[in-house]
Amino acid sequence: MRQLDFVLMRGGTSKGVFLRAADVPQDREALANLLLAVMGSPDRRQIDGLGGADKLTSMAAIMGPPTRKDSDVSYLFGQVGITVPQVEFNVNCGNLTAAAAVYAIEEGLVAARDGTTRVRIHNVNTDKIITADVPVANGRPLVAGDLAIDGVPGTGAPIALNFGDAAGAITGHLLPLGAPQSVLAVPGLGDVPISVVDCANLVIFIAAETLGMRGAEAPAEVDGNPDLIGKINAVRRAVAHRLGFGDYFDSRPAAATPFCVIVSPPSEYASFGTGQPVPAGSMDIVCRQFAAGSVSRAYAATVTACTGVAARLEGTVLHNMLAADVHGRPRLRIGHPSGIIEVESSISGRIDNPRVDKALILRTARRLAEGRTFLLNSDI
């Protein structure tokens, strides 16, 4: 059997296997096969690998030296399929980006500076730079802290991630359809009002009522409703074809992009993780994120950043749904299945040519394990 060094890390509400770029194939197809073997896919339980049987824990990060002069480290993200033998390299995971910053310091890829160490991360998937400010003491990233994240037990040291430079991550345009809101003809649904925003990841925002939803459904309520999933995927497919990557979408049994975020006004619901009530007064908007075949149990950091930007863009589906007093506040409170996540965002420039100045969220991250994984030669 082949042996491969790895580090298992949690970043925000995600968990992934970290590998050194020098230890893995550069060819994406060969790399995909390797990652499938590492995770134990395809298999619903991923029993013969390191995967956690959930899309938020079936992730990989390939870390290496900088490949751009304006960065400190390179980070290639892989979303590893669980029941399907596919690895997506065309999206980024913002939660795991926090872990990438910690890994870079711990592995000596970035020199530690006590107080705060800024890590400029080149996300290879999107060719964008994300900055991470990591608290450091005695040359090591801090683990203990007071920041609590819904969906993660306990507290940790806050890592500030800024996705302000990640506009146009997938399509090259913040508003790839050319306007804050568009009406798109969707087979089976008719003319559908949507907003498509591309910042950190490509996201479709759609009102829950358009899909016949309340908006605060638990993930299982959506995942167990094939008719509803069909409607959501019809919207995603229409956008994918409109933007020129329909062949990609149609070739994947569970395409990772574009994300679809279903938005609705504040409403109380039970937390997926704890079962405790998430009060309506604790949030400004309810969001349910769908991609790669299911609703996410916790909100993605990249989608959080994009949601914060969409909230500042006058005329978007999301902006129009927010209460008037929310627009004057620097932070947006998003209700997701596991609780609340906040994003601080700002834009400038003309309405017809906006520029993202800030899309900042706080995460925690830490090393969970390190060692060697053993792969059958027939698997790779």
Foldseek 3Di string as FASTA:
>chain_A
DDKFWWFWKFFFLAIEIEHEQVGADPDPVRRLLVLCQQQCPQDQCSVNHDARNAQRRSKYWYKYADPDPVFQIEIFIWRQDHNDSDIDRQADFPRCVQVNVQCCQVVVSAWDDAAWDWGFYQHPNQRWTKIKIFHDDPSHGWFADDDDHQNDPDHGDKIKIWQQRQFCSRQPHQFLVQAQWDWFQFPPQGTAIWGWGGGSATEIEHEQVSLPHPQLDAFCVQLVDVVSVVVVVSVQLRVCVVSPNNVVSVVDPFAAPDKYKHKDAFDWDAAPVPRHIAHSVQFQIEIWIDGRRTTDSDDGLRVQLSLLVSCQQPPHPNVVRGDPVVNPDQKGWYQYRRYTFIWGWDWDDDSSGIHTDTTMGIMHMDTDDIDMDDGDPVSD
